[in-house]
PDB file of N, CA and C in Angstrom:
ATOM      1  N   MET A   1     -12.349  17.376  78.060  1.00  0.00           N
ATOM      2  CA  MET A   1     -12.919  17.916  79.367  1.00  0.00           C
ATOM      3  C   MET A   1     -14.523  18.304  78.256  1.00  0.00           C
ATOM      4  N   SER A   2     -15.453  18.335  78.821  1.00  0.00           N
ATOM      5  CA  SER A   2     -16.840  18.574  78.085  1.00  0.00           C
ATOM      6  C   SER A   2     -17.188  19.946  78.704  1.00  0.00           C
ATOM      7  N   SER A   3     -18.216  20.595  77.751  1.00  0.00           N
ATOM      8  CA  SER A   3     -18.593  22.059  78.323  1.00  0.00           C
ATOM      9  C   SER A   3     -19.405  21.906  79.991  1.00  0.00           C
ATOM     10  N   ASP A   4     -19.767  20.772  80.129  1.00  0.00           N
ATOM     11  CA  ASP A   4     -20.558  20.499  81.372  1.00  0.00           C
ATOM     12  C   ASP A   4     -19.509  20.773  82.423  1.00  0.00           C
ATOM     13  N   GLU A   5     -18.254  20.441  82.241  1.00  0.00           N
ATOM     14  CA  GLU A   5     -17.135  20.335  83.286  1.00  0.00           C
ATOM     15  C   GLU A   5     -16.384  21.504  83.403  1.00  0.00           C
ATOM     16  N   LEU A   6     -16.587  22.463  82.468  1.00  0.00           N
ATOM     17  CA  LEU A   6     -15.848  23.716  82.515  1.00  0.00           C
ATOM     18  C   LEU A   6     -16.704  24.798  83.351  1.00  0.00           C
ATOM     19  N   PRO A   7     -15.781  25.525  84.136  1.00  0.00           N
ATOM     20  CA  PRO A   7     -16.495  26.404  85.034  1.00  0.00           C
ATOM     21  C   PRO A   7     -17.032  27.659  84.130  1.00  0.00           C
ATOM     22  N   PRO A   8     -17.802  28.374  84.372  1.00  0.00           N
ATOM     23  CA  PRO A   8     -18.234  29.412  83.331  1.00  0.00           C
ATOM     24  C   PRO A   8     -16.939  30.684  83.310  1.00  0.00           C
ATOM     25  N   LEU A   9     -16.844  31.072  82.270  1.00  0.00           N
ATOM     26  CA  LEU A   9     -15.664  32.093  81.937  1.00  0.00           C
ATOM     27  C   LEU A   9     -16.277  33.459  81.866  1.00  0.00           C
ATOM     28  N   LEU A  10     -17.523  33.628  81.553  1.00  0.00           N
ATOM     29  CA  LEU A  10     -18.183  34.777  81.433  1.00  0.00           C
ATOM     30  C   LEU A  10     -19.217  35.084  82.334  1.00  0.00           C
ATOM     31  N   PHE A  11     -19.827  35.924  83.182  1.00  0.00           N
ATOM     32  CA  PHE A  11     -20.893  36.241  83.723  1.00  0.00           C
ATOM     33  C   PHE A  11     -21.520  37.314  83.362  1.00  0.00           C
ATOM     34  N   THR A  12     -23.212  37.370  83.719  1.00  0.00           N
ATOM     35  CA  THR A  12     -23.985  38.367  83.275  1.00  0.00           C
ATOM     36  C   THR A  12     -23.461  39.199  84.353  1.00  0.00           C
ATOM     37  N   PRO A  13     -24.156  40.630  84.150  1.00  0.00           N
ATOM     38  CA  PRO A  13     -24.292  41.219  85.456  1.00  0.00           C
ATOM     39  C   PRO A  13     -25.172  40.960  86.335  1.00  0.00           C
ATOM     40  N   GLU A  14     -26.248  40.283  86.102  1.00  0.00           N
ATOM     41  CA  GLU A  14     -27.128  40.123  87.086  1.00  0.00           C
ATOM     42  C   GLU A  14     -26.568  38.797  87.873  1.00  0.00           C
ATOM     43  N   GLU A  15     -25.694  38.001  87.353  1.00  0.00           N
ATOM     44  CA  GLU A  15     -25.013  36.845  87.916  1.00  0.00           C
ATOM     45  C   GLU A  15     -24.024  37.394  88.840  1.00  0.00           C
ATOM     46  N   VAL A  16     -23.134  38.425  88.418  1.00  0.00           N
ATOM     47  CA  VAL A  16     -22.473  38.910  89.420  1.00  0.00           C
ATOM     48  C   VAL A  16     -22.913  39.766  90.784  1.00  0.00           C
ATOM     49  N   ALA A  17     -23.920  40.428  90.376  1.00  0.00           N
ATOM     50  CA  ALA A  17     -24.840  40.963  91.338  1.00  0.00           C
ATOM     51  C   ALA A  17     -24.974  39.896  92.474  1.00  0.00           C
ATOM     52  N   ARG A  18     -25.467  38.828  92.189  1.00  0.00           N
ATOM     53  CA  ARG A  18     -26.052  37.777  92.899  1.00  0.00           C
ATOM     54  C   ARG A  18     -24.588  37.368  93.819  1.00  0.00           C
ATOM     55  N   LEU A  19     -23.589  37.180  92.829  1.00  0.00           N
ATOM     56  CA  LEU A  19     -22.431  36.463  93.634  1.00  0.00           C
ATOM     57  C   LEU A  19     -21.826  37.389  94.371  1.00  0.00           C
ATOM     58  N   LEU A  20     -21.911  38.734  94.387  1.00  0.00           N
ATOM     59  CA  LEU A  20     -21.410  39.812  95.117  1.00  0.00           C
ATOM     60  C   LEU A  20     -22.329  40.249  96.222  1.00  0.00           C
ATOM     61  N   GLY A  21     -23.667  39.884  96.096  1.00  0.00           N
ATOM     62  CA  GLY A  21     -24.635  40.302  97.189  1.00  0.00           C
ATOM     63  C   GLY A  21     -25.144  41.865  96.899  1.00  0.00           C
ATOM     64  N   VAL A  22     -25.121  42.358  95.770  1.00  0.00           N
ATOM     65  CA  VAL A  22     -25.365  43.552  95.639  1.00  0.00           C
ATOM     66  C   VAL A  22     -26.446  43.638  94.481  1.00  0.00           C
ATOM     67  N   GLY A  23     -26.930  44.856  94.037  1.00  0.00           N
ATOM     68  CA  GLY A  23     -27.849  44.919  93.238  1.00  0.00           C
ATOM     69  C   GLY A  23     -27.246  45.132  91.824  1.00  0.00           C
ATOM     70  N   ARG A  24     -28.128  44.722  90.617  1.00  0.00           N
ATOM     71  CA  ARG A  24     -27.644  44.887  89.360  1.00  0.00           C
ATOM     72  C   ARG A  24     -27.301  46.207  88.933  1.00  0.00           C
ATOM     73  N   GLN A  25     -27.943  47.279  89.562  1.00  0.00           N
ATOM     74  CA  GLN A  25     -27.312  48.432  89.158  1.00  0.00           C
ATOM     75  C   GLN A  25     -26.091  48.863  89.705  1.00  0.00           C
ATOM     76  N   LYS A  26     -25.826  48.306  91.004  1.00  0.00           N
ATOM     77  CA  LYS A  26     -24.269  48.405  91.330  1.00  0.00           C
ATOM     78  C   LYS A  26     -23.259  48.017  90.477  1.00  0.00           C
ATOM     79  N   VAL A  27     -23.635  46.728  90.009  1.00  0.00           N
ATOM     80  CA  VAL A  27     -22.423  46.127  89.004  1.00  0.00           C
ATOM     81  C   VAL A  27     -22.425  47.123  87.725  1.00  0.00           C
ATOM     82  N   TYR A  28     -23.573  47.508  87.287  1.00  0.00           N
ATOM     83  CA  TYR A  28     -23.456  48.619  86.017  1.00  0.00           C
ATOM     84  C   TYR A  28     -22.638  49.777  86.394  1.00  0.00           C
ATOM     85  N   ASP A  29     -22.827  50.261  87.768  1.00  0.00           N
ATOM     86  CA  ASP A  29     -22.247  51.468  88.125  1.00  0.00           C
ATOM     87  C   ASP A  29     -20.755  51.130  88.292  1.00  0.00           C
ATOM     88  N   LEU A  30     -20.389  49.789  88.809  1.00  0.00           N
ATOM     89  CA  LEU A  30     -18.892  49.554  88.835  1.00  0.00           C
ATOM     90  C   LEU A  30     -18.134  49.430  87.525  1.00  0.00           C
ATOM     91  N   MET A  31     -18.972  48.814  86.428  1.00  0.00           N
ATOM     92  CA  MET A  31     -18.501  48.876  85.158  1.00  0.00           C
ATOM     93  C   MET A  31     -18.264  50.016  84.738  1.00  0.00           C
ATOM     94  N   ARG A  32     -19.097  51.031  84.822  1.00  0.00           N
ATOM     95  CA  ARG A  32     -18.909  52.434  84.252  1.00  0.00           C
ATOM     96  C   ARG A  32     -17.827  53.267  84.737  1.00  0.00           C
ATOM     97  N   GLN A  33     -17.670  53.028  86.282  1.00  0.00           N
ATOM     98  CA  GLN A  33     -16.407  53.605  86.913  1.00  0.00           C
ATOM     99  C   GLN A  33     -15.138  52.900  86.461  1.00  0.00           C
ATOM    100  N   ARG A  34     -15.190  51.835  85.949  1.00  0.00           N
ATOM    101  CA  ARG A  34     -14.223  51.086  85.500  1.00  0.00           C
ATOM    102  C   ARG A  34     -13.332  50.283  86.588  1.00  0.00           C
ATOM    103  N   LEU A  35     -14.306  50.102  87.677  1.00  0.00           N
ATOM    104  CA  LEU A  35     -13.660  49.438  88.701  1.00  0.00           C
ATOM    105  C   LEU A  35     -13.885  48.148  88.674  1.00  0.00           C
ATOM    106  N   LEU A  36     -14.747  47.437  87.742  1.00  0.00           N
ATOM    107  CA  LEU A  36     -14.977  46.062  87.302  1.00  0.00           C
ATOM    108  C   LEU A  36     -15.004  46.030  85.843  1.00  0.00           C
ATOM    109  N   ARG A  37     -13.900  45.207  85.362  1.00  0.00           N
ATOM    110  CA  ARG A  37     -13.888  45.123  84.029  1.00  0.00           C
ATOM    111  C   ARG A  37     -14.738  44.312  83.266  1.00  0.00           C
ATOM    112  N   SER A  38     -15.165  44.602  82.103  1.00  0.00           N
ATOM    113  CA  SER A  38     -15.908  43.760  81.656  1.00  0.00           C
ATOM    114  C   SER A  38     -16.072  43.812  80.079  1.00  0.00           C
ATOM    115  N   VAL A  39     -16.501  43.005  79.049  1.00  0.00           N
ATOM    116  CA  VAL A  39     -16.321  42.844  77.778  1.00  0.00           C
ATOM    117  C   VAL A  39     -17.695  43.070  77.164  1.00  0.00           C
ATOM    118  N   LYS A  40     -17.457  43.406  75.683  1.00  0.00           N
ATOM    119  CA  LYS A  40     -18.877  43.379  75.066  1.00  0.00           C
ATOM    120  C   LYS A  40     -18.888  42.177  74.350  1.00  0.00           C
ATOM    121  N   VAL A  41     -20.206  41.470  74.487  1.00  0.00           N
ATOM    122  CA  VAL A  41     -20.372  40.256  73.603  1.00  0.00           C
ATOM    123  C   VAL A  41     -21.717  40.502  72.839  1.00  0.00           C
ATOM    124  N   GLY A  42     -21.432  40.960  71.540  1.00  0.00           N
ATOM    125  CA  GLY A  42     -22.543  41.396  70.769  1.00  0.00           C
ATOM    126  C   GLY A  42     -22.916  42.820  71.451  1.00  0.00           C
ATOM    127  N   ALA A  43     -24.472  42.731  71.944  1.00  0.00           N
ATOM    128  CA  ALA A  43     -24.642  44.013  72.480  1.00  0.00           C
ATOM    129  C   ALA A  43     -24.587  43.831  73.888  1.00  0.00           C
ATOM    130  N   CYS A  44     -24.241  42.842  74.491  1.00  0.00           N
ATOM    131  CA  CYS A  44     -24.400  42.754  75.873  1.00  0.00           C
ATOM    132  C   CYS A  44     -22.941  42.669  76.816  1.00  0.00           C
ATOM    133  N   ARG A  45     -23.075  43.202  77.872  1.00  0.00           N
ATOM    134  CA  ARG A  45     -21.898  43.274  78.714  1.00  0.00           C
ATOM    135  C   ARG A  45     -21.625  41.829  79.455  1.00  0.00           C
ATOM    136  N   ARG A  46     -20.523  41.410  79.735  1.00  0.00           N
ATOM    137  CA  ARG A  46     -20.176  40.259  80.313  1.00  0.00           C
ATOM    138  C   ARG A  46     -19.058  40.470  81.316  1.00  0.00           C
ATOM    139  N   ILE A  47     -18.851  39.927  82.285  1.00  0.00           N
ATOM    140  CA  ILE A  47     -17.599  40.078  83.304  1.00  0.00           C
ATOM    141  C   ILE A  47     -17.036  38.644  83.502  1.00  0.00           C
ATOM    142  N   SER A  48     -15.650  38.811  83.034  1.00  0.00           N
ATOM    143  CA  SER A  48     -14.872  37.394  83.249  1.00  0.00           C
ATOM    144  C   SER A  48     -14.883  37.081  84.690  1.00  0.00           C
ATOM    145  N   ALA A  49     -14.434  35.815  84.890  1.00  0.00           N
ATOM    146  CA  ALA A  49     -14.091  35.337  86.009  1.00  0.00           C
ATOM    147  C   ALA A  49     -13.026  35.906  86.604  1.00  0.00           C
ATOM    148  N   ARG A  50     -11.927  36.207  85.678  1.00  0.00           N
ATOM    149  CA  ARG A  50     -10.708  36.909  86.291  1.00  0.00           C
ATOM    150  C   ARG A  50     -11.061  38.275  86.659  1.00  0.00           C
ATOM    151  N   ALA A  51     -11.770  38.891  86.063  1.00  0.00           N
ATOM    152  CA  ALA A  51     -12.099  40.392  86.472  1.00  0.00           C
ATOM    153  C   ALA A  51     -12.972  40.564  87.656  1.00  0.00           C
ATOM    154  N   LEU A  52     -13.780  39.609  87.808  1.00  0.00           N
ATOM    155  CA  LEU A  52     -14.543  39.384  89.243  1.00  0.00           C
ATOM    156  C   LEU A  52     -13.633  39.176  90.331  1.00  0.00           C
ATOM    157  N   SER A  53     -12.662  38.136  90.162  1.00  0.00           N
ATOM    158  CA  SER A  53     -11.572  37.690  90.964  1.00  0.00           C
ATOM    159  C   SER A  53     -10.731  38.998  91.236  1.00  0.00           C
ATOM    160  N   ASP A  54     -10.229  39.744  90.186  1.00  0.00           N
ATOM    161  CA  ASP A  54      -9.369  40.893  90.430  1.00  0.00           C
ATOM    162  C   ASP A  54     -10.002  42.083  91.265  1.00  0.00           C
ATOM    163  N   TYR A  55     -11.344  42.172  91.097  1.00  0.00           N
ATOM    164  CA  TYR A  55     -12.088  43.165  91.806  1.00  0.00           C
ATOM    165  C   TYR A  55     -12.267  43.118  93.252  1.00  0.00           C
ATOM    166  N   VAL A  56     -12.373  41.616  93.528  1.00  0.00           N
ATOM    167  CA  VAL A  56     -12.611  41.162  94.894  1.00  0.00           C
ATOM    168  C   VAL A  56     -11.153  41.375  95.616  1.00  0.00           C
ATOM    169  N   ALA A  57     -10.229  40.939  94.967  1.00  0.00           N
ATOM    170  CA  ALA A  57      -8.887  41.143  95.521  1.00  0.00           C
ATOM    171  C   ALA A  57      -8.364  42.615  95.717  1.00  0.00           C
ATOM    172  N   ASP A  58      -8.851  43.513  94.878  1.00  0.00           N
ATOM    173  CA  ASP A  58      -8.599  44.921  94.722  1.00  0.00           C
ATOM    174  C   ASP A  58      -9.520  45.343  96.406  1.00  0.00           C
ATOM    175  N   LEU A  59     -10.508  44.701  96.437  1.00  0.00           N
ATOM    176  CA  LEU A  59     -11.415  45.261  97.785  1.00  0.00           C
ATOM    177  C   LEU A  59     -10.771  44.710  98.847  1.00  0.00           C
ATOM    178  N   GLU A  60     -10.135  43.671  98.841  1.00  0.00           N
ATOM    179  CA  GLU A  60      -9.514  43.191  99.968  1.00  0.00           C
ATOM    180  C   GLU A  60      -8.324  43.978 100.397  1.00  0.00           C
ATOM    181  N   LEU A  61      -7.530  44.532  99.411  1.00  0.00           N
ATOM    182  CA  LEU A  61      -6.414  45.397  99.664  1.00  0.00           C
ATOM    183  C   LEU A  61      -6.924  46.770 100.173  1.00  0.00           C
ATOM    184  N   GLU A  62      -7.842  47.384  99.608  1.00  0.00           N
ATOM    185  CA  GLU A  62      -8.317  48.449 100.232  1.00  0.00           C
ATOM    186  C   GLU A  62      -8.772  48.426 101.566  1.00  0.00           C
ATOM    187  N   ASP A  63      -9.298  47.257 101.937  1.00  0.00           N
ATOM    188  CA  ASP A  63      -9.689  47.085 103.262  1.00  0.00           C
ATOM    189  C   ASP A  63      -8.588  46.569 104.346  1.00  0.00           C
ATOM    190  N   VAL A  64      -7.610  46.467 103.921  1.00  0.00           N
ATOM    191  CA  VAL A  64      -6.321  46.482 104.768  1.00  0.00           C
ATOM    192  C   VAL A  64      -5.828  47.832 104.928  1.00  0.00           C
ATOM    193  N   SER A  65      -5.817  48.649 104.110  1.00  0.00           N
ATOM    194  CA  SER A  65      -5.185  50.218 104.316  1.00  0.00           C
ATOM    195  C   SER A  65      -5.761  50.954 105.037  1.00  0.00           C
TER     196      SER A  65
END
């Protein structure tokens, strides 16, 4: 499988903001509150596809309660 065929594993906060339909600062707030897991790559923060999926699943669970 080539790198062109692989889905992205890590997203920038800006990409996550666009995917969630929120502002960049909201994504940083969610990371700071540890509601959205992130990892450090060098000096940058990145959000894994799994962390993003888990966050959305948690939102769905909260909505049912």
